Amino acid sequence: MVGEEAGASGDPERAPSRRERARAATIEEIKQAALSLMREQGTTDFRFSDIARLMGMTAPALYRYFADRDELITAMIVDAYDDLGRAVAEARDEVPTDDPGNRFVAVAQAYRRWARDEPERFALILGLPVPGYHAPEEGPTTEAARRAMAQLKALFFEAAQQGLLRPPLLRDVSDTVTTFLATSPGPEVEAKVAPPEFIDGPPVPPATFQAMMHCWASMHGFASLEAYGHMEWLPEEVREAIFQASVSTVAAVAGLPDPRPAD
């Protein structure tokens, strides 16, 4: 239903009608109400009836906008992935392409900042699965995950194409990993299990694939601990210093150049 609404006019050049604008505004209000409930309850789970109560609507009225709760969650996951991807890409592109070291730092900081600013949405896309939710196979959530997370893989490809990517310091790769890459299932892998953007696209040496996963795991682990309040006992400047050291460590192990000093 949401996808149909996006293309309701059939003409991207035609301005949406008043009715279409009103419908789009209501859809956005429903998403915001669901997000408010997530923040209030401290969980990614919610009920349609709770949203209706918060908006002063009847529960059946919500079905004019979303077929069910799964469709609403899918729309929210797509929005969250797109926002995260946009934040990461904008931060990365503020750094010249011939400076992959600092581009990686920018990506890591943007990822961390978004997680800290949007802990509920971060949990929605990269936390525990929402109870009872079933993502559509090869649907919008998979495509959104691919768009968002491809920023990290693209950074490695840029560095390699410019001759700036060194072999990873850790070059021993388990036969299990090598076999997986040789027989990887590709895009049909569910986004919550293994984002396909780390598998799809031009092949990379197993050691580089492993290094990319180390970078993501380190970046995500720190961001998660901080987003969910597990590092509040550390002063902010100490957390910043530890994060910078962590990013520099995994970048060096992965073969990325050292970040250039600021001018």
Protein backbone atom coordinates (compact mmCIF):
# COMPACT_ATOMS: atom_id res chain seq x y z
CA MET A 1 0.00 0.00 0.00
CA VAL A 2 2.78 2.44 0.82
CA GLY A 3 4.62 1.53 -2.35
CA GLU A 4 1.45 2.05 -4.35
CA GLU A 5 1.00 5.46 -2.80
CA ALA A 6 4.49 6.57 -3.83
CA GLY A 7 3.63 6.00 -7.47
CA ALA A 8 -0.06 6.82 -7.32
CA SER A 9 0.14 9.62 -9.86
CA GLY A 10 2.04 7.53 -12.40
CA ASP A 11 3.83 10.73 -13.42
CA PRO A 12 6.87 11.86 -11.40
CA GLU A 13 6.56 15.35 -12.90
CA ARG A 14 2.99 15.90 -11.68
CA ALA A 15 2.61 17.63 -8.34
CA PRO A 16 0.69 15.51 -5.81
CA SER A 17 -2.93 16.38 -5.31
CA ARG A 18 -4.27 17.73 -2.01
CA ARG A 19 -5.68 14.30 -1.22
CA GLU A 20 -2.33 12.64 -1.93
CA ARG A 21 -0.53 15.19 0.25
CA ALA A 22 -2.99 14.59 3.08
CA ARG A 23 -2.52 10.83 2.80
CA ALA A 24 1.27 11.16 2.78
CA ALA A 25 1.10 13.40 5.86
CA THR A 26 -1.06 10.86 7.69
CA ILE A 27 1.34 8.04 6.78
CA GLU A 28 4.21 10.08 8.19
CA GLU A 29 2.19 10.83 11.33
CA ILE A 30 1.54 7.11 11.82
CA LYS A 31 5.26 6.37 11.54
CA GLN A 32 6.07 9.09 14.04
CA ALA A 33 3.43 7.78 16.43
CA ALA A 34 4.96 4.31 16.21
CA LEU A 35 8.41 5.77 16.85
CA SER A 36 7.07 7.70 19.87
CA LEU A 37 5.70 4.45 21.29
CA MET A 38 9.05 2.76 20.77
CA ARG A 39 10.79 5.56 22.65
CA GLU A 40 8.21 5.56 25.41
CA GLN A 41 8.20 1.79 25.90
CA GLY A 42 11.90 1.19 25.27
CA THR A 43 11.15 -1.54 22.74
CA THR A 44 10.75 -1.89 18.99
CA ASP A 45 7.46 -3.74 19.55
CA PHE A 46 4.10 -1.94 19.40
CA ARG A 47 0.45 -2.59 18.58
CA PHE A 48 -1.78 -0.98 15.99
CA SER A 49 -4.34 -0.24 18.70
CA ASP A 50 -1.74 1.77 20.65
CA ILE A 51 -0.98 3.90 17.59
CA ALA A 52 -4.68 4.49 16.98
CA ARG A 53 -5.16 5.58 20.59
CA LEU A 54 -2.18 7.95 20.39
CA MET A 55 -3.49 9.51 17.18
CA GLY A 56 -7.14 9.65 18.21
CA MET A 57 -8.13 7.23 15.45
CA THR A 58 -9.89 3.90 15.41
CA ALA A 59 -7.68 0.87 14.84
CA PRO A 60 -9.56 -0.12 11.64
CA ALA A 61 -8.81 3.36 10.22
CA LEU A 62 -5.09 2.55 10.21
CA TYR A 63 -5.70 -0.24 7.72
CA ARG A 64 -6.52 2.39 5.09
CA TYR A 65 -2.83 3.32 5.20
CA PHE A 66 -1.04 0.07 6.06
CA ALA A 67 -2.23 -3.46 5.40
CA ASP A 68 -0.92 -4.62 8.78
CA ARG A 69 1.72 -3.95 11.40
CA ASP A 70 4.39 -5.72 9.31
CA GLU A 71 3.90 -3.30 6.44
CA LEU A 72 4.27 -0.36 8.81
CA ILE A 73 7.44 -1.79 10.34
CA THR A 74 8.81 -2.46 6.85
CA ALA A 75 8.25 1.19 5.91
CA MET A 76 9.97 2.35 9.10
CA ILE A 77 12.94 0.03 8.50
CA VAL A 78 13.34 1.37 4.96
CA ASP A 79 13.23 4.96 6.24
CA ALA A 80 15.79 4.21 8.94
CA TYR A 81 18.22 2.49 6.59
CA ASP A 82 17.90 5.34 4.09
CA ASP A 83 18.52 7.95 6.79
CA LEU A 84 21.56 6.07 8.09
CA GLY A 85 22.92 5.60 4.57
CA ARG A 86 22.41 9.27 3.77
CA ALA A 87 24.16 10.38 6.97
CA VAL A 88 27.12 8.10 6.31
CA ALA A 89 27.42 9.07 2.63
CA GLU A 90 27.24 12.80 3.35
CA ALA A 91 29.95 12.57 6.00
CA ARG A 92 32.16 10.41 3.77
CA ASP A 93 31.82 12.70 0.77
CA GLU A 94 33.00 15.71 2.75
CA VAL A 95 36.46 14.08 2.60
CA PRO A 96 38.40 13.84 -0.71
CA THR A 97 38.32 10.45 -2.41
CA ASP A 98 42.12 10.21 -2.35
CA ASP A 99 42.05 10.18 1.46
CA PRO A 100 40.38 6.84 2.28
CA GLY A 101 41.81 6.86 5.79
CA ASN A 102 39.87 9.95 6.78
CA ARG A 103 36.88 8.85 4.70
CA PHE A 104 36.70 5.74 6.87
CA VAL A 105 36.94 7.86 10.02
CA ALA A 106 34.08 10.02 8.71
CA VAL A 107 31.95 6.95 7.97
CA ALA A 108 32.61 5.50 11.42
CA GLN A 109 31.83 8.76 13.20
CA ALA A 110 28.61 9.25 11.21
CA TYR A 111 27.50 5.68 11.97
CA ARG A 112 28.23 6.18 15.66
CA ARG A 113 26.53 9.60 15.77
CA TRP A 114 23.38 8.31 14.04
CA ALA A 115 23.17 5.36 16.46
CA ARG A 116 23.53 7.68 19.43
CA ASP A 117 20.95 10.15 18.12
CA GLU A 118 18.47 7.48 16.94
CA PRO A 119 18.81 4.52 19.35
CA GLU A 120 15.29 3.20 18.71
CA ARG A 121 15.64 3.29 14.94
CA PHE A 122 19.15 1.84 15.25
CA ALA A 123 17.66 -1.04 17.24
CA LEU A 124 14.91 -1.43 14.64
CA ILE A 125 17.35 -2.09 11.80
CA LEU A 126 20.45 -3.46 13.53
CA GLY A 127 19.23 -4.78 16.86
CA LEU A 128 17.18 -7.78 17.90
CA PRO A 129 14.38 -8.74 15.47
CA VAL A 130 11.00 -7.18 16.23
CA PRO A 131 8.83 -9.87 17.88
CA GLY A 132 6.44 -11.37 15.36
CA TYR A 133 7.74 -9.33 12.42
CA HIS A 134 8.52 -11.05 9.13
CA ALA A 135 10.46 -9.01 6.56
CA PRO A 136 9.40 -9.45 2.94
CA GLU A 137 11.82 -11.62 0.98
CA GLU A 138 13.91 -9.62 -1.50
CA GLY A 139 11.75 -6.66 -0.67
CA PRO A 140 12.28 -3.02 0.28
CA THR A 141 14.11 -3.77 3.52
CA THR A 142 16.80 -5.75 1.70
CA GLU A 143 17.23 -3.01 -0.90
CA ALA A 144 17.40 -0.33 1.80
CA ALA A 145 20.01 -2.33 3.73
CA ARG A 146 22.05 -2.71 0.55
CA ARG A 147 21.96 1.04 -0.13
CA ALA A 148 22.90 1.99 3.42
CA MET A 149 25.64 -0.50 4.16
CA ALA A 150 27.28 -0.39 0.71
CA GLN A 151 29.03 2.82 1.76
CA LEU A 152 31.67 0.87 3.67
CA LYS A 153 32.39 -1.60 0.88
CA ALA A 154 32.57 1.26 -1.66
CA LEU A 155 35.24 2.91 0.45
CA PHE A 156 37.43 -0.20 0.22
CA PHE A 157 36.92 -0.42 -3.54
CA GLU A 158 37.88 3.24 -3.98
CA ALA A 159 41.07 2.72 -2.01
CA ALA A 160 41.92 -0.42 -4.00
CA GLN A 161 41.30 1.27 -7.35
CA GLN A 162 43.64 4.10 -6.38
CA GLY A 163 46.34 1.69 -5.24
CA LEU A 164 46.00 2.92 -1.66
CA LEU A 165 44.67 -0.26 -0.07
CA ARG A 166 47.37 -2.46 1.46
CA PRO A 167 46.87 -6.15 2.14
CA PRO A 168 45.27 -6.65 5.57
CA LEU A 169 47.65 -7.33 8.43
CA LEU A 170 45.63 -10.41 9.28
CA ARG A 171 45.80 -12.58 6.18
CA ASP A 172 44.93 -15.95 7.65
CA VAL A 173 41.38 -16.75 6.65
CA SER A 174 39.45 -19.77 7.81
CA ASP A 175 38.51 -22.31 5.17
CA THR A 176 34.93 -21.80 6.38
CA VAL A 177 35.02 -18.15 5.33
CA THR A 178 36.68 -18.92 2.00
CA THR A 179 34.12 -21.61 1.21
CA PHE A 180 31.28 -19.29 2.15
CA LEU A 181 32.51 -16.61 -0.25
CA ALA A 182 32.97 -19.14 -3.03
CA THR A 183 29.41 -20.38 -2.62
CA SER A 184 27.75 -17.25 -1.18
CA PRO A 185 24.00 -17.19 -1.70
CA GLY A 186 24.06 -13.56 -2.79
CA PRO A 187 21.20 -11.10 -2.41
CA GLU A 188 18.64 -13.59 -1.19
CA VAL A 189 20.37 -13.63 2.19
CA GLU A 190 18.06 -11.88 4.62
CA ALA A 191 19.33 -8.42 5.55
CA LYS A 192 19.02 -9.09 9.28
CA VAL A 193 21.28 -12.14 8.92
CA ALA A 194 23.99 -10.90 6.57
CA PRO A 195 23.64 -7.64 4.65
CA PRO A 196 24.01 -8.65 0.99
CA GLU A 197 26.06 -5.60 0.07
CA PHE A 198 29.04 -7.26 1.76
CA ILE A 199 28.58 -10.25 -0.57
CA ASP A 200 27.23 -8.77 -3.81
CA GLY A 201 29.27 -6.79 -6.29
CA PRO A 202 32.83 -7.28 -7.52
CA PRO A 203 34.62 -10.08 -5.67
CA VAL A 204 37.18 -9.19 -3.04
CA PRO A 205 39.95 -11.39 -1.66
CA PRO A 206 38.79 -13.38 1.37
CA ALA A 207 41.23 -11.50 3.61
CA THR A 208 39.77 -8.16 2.52
CA PHE A 209 36.21 -9.39 3.04
CA GLN A 210 37.22 -10.52 6.51
CA ALA A 211 38.83 -7.13 7.17
CA MET A 212 35.66 -5.30 6.11
CA MET A 213 33.64 -7.42 8.51
CA HIS A 214 36.12 -6.64 11.29
CA CYS A 215 35.73 -2.92 10.57
CA TRP A 216 31.95 -3.11 10.65
CA ALA A 217 31.86 -5.30 13.76
CA SER A 218 34.17 -2.96 15.67
CA MET A 219 32.34 0.17 14.57
CA HIS A 220 28.94 -1.36 15.31
CA GLY A 221 29.97 -2.79 18.66
CA PHE A 222 31.17 0.56 20.00
CA ALA A 223 28.15 2.38 18.57
CA SER A 224 25.76 -0.12 20.18
CA LEU A 225 27.38 0.06 23.60
CA GLU A 226 27.25 3.84 23.53
CA ALA A 227 23.75 4.13 22.04
CA TYR A 228 22.25 1.93 24.73
CA GLY A 229 23.95 3.69 27.64
CA HIS A 230 26.58 1.11 28.52
CA MET A 231 29.45 3.61 28.34
CA GLU A 232 27.90 6.48 30.29
CA TRP A 233 30.34 5.82 33.13
CA LEU A 234 33.09 7.18 30.88
CA PRO A 235 33.42 10.94 30.27
CA GLU A 236 32.53 11.91 26.70
CA GLU A 237 36.07 12.97 25.86
CA VAL A 238 37.36 9.58 27.01
CA ARG A 239 34.79 7.75 24.87
CA GLU A 240 35.82 9.90 21.91
CA ALA A 241 39.50 9.06 22.38
CA ILE A 242 38.79 5.33 22.72
CA PHE A 243 36.57 5.36 19.63
CA GLN A 244 39.22 7.15 17.58
CA ALA A 245 41.82 4.63 18.71
CA SER A 246 39.48 1.75 17.84
CA VAL A 247 38.80 3.15 14.37
CA SER A 248 42.52 3.71 13.72
CA THR A 249 43.31 0.16 14.85
CA VAL A 250 40.80 -1.63 12.64
CA ALA A 251 41.65 0.65 9.69
CA ALA A 252 45.33 -0.23 10.01
CA VAL A 253 44.60 -3.94 10.33
CA ALA A 254 42.32 -3.73 7.27
CA GLY A 255 45.04 -2.12 5.16
CA LEU A 256 43.53 1.36 4.88
CA PRO A 257 45.98 4.27 4.86
CA ASP A 258 46.53 6.26 8.02
CA PRO A 259 44.24 9.29 8.20
CA ARG A 260 45.92 12.45 7.00
CA PRO A 261 46.41 15.16 9.63
CA ALA A 262 44.05 18.10 9.37
CA ASP A 263 45.41 21.14 7.52
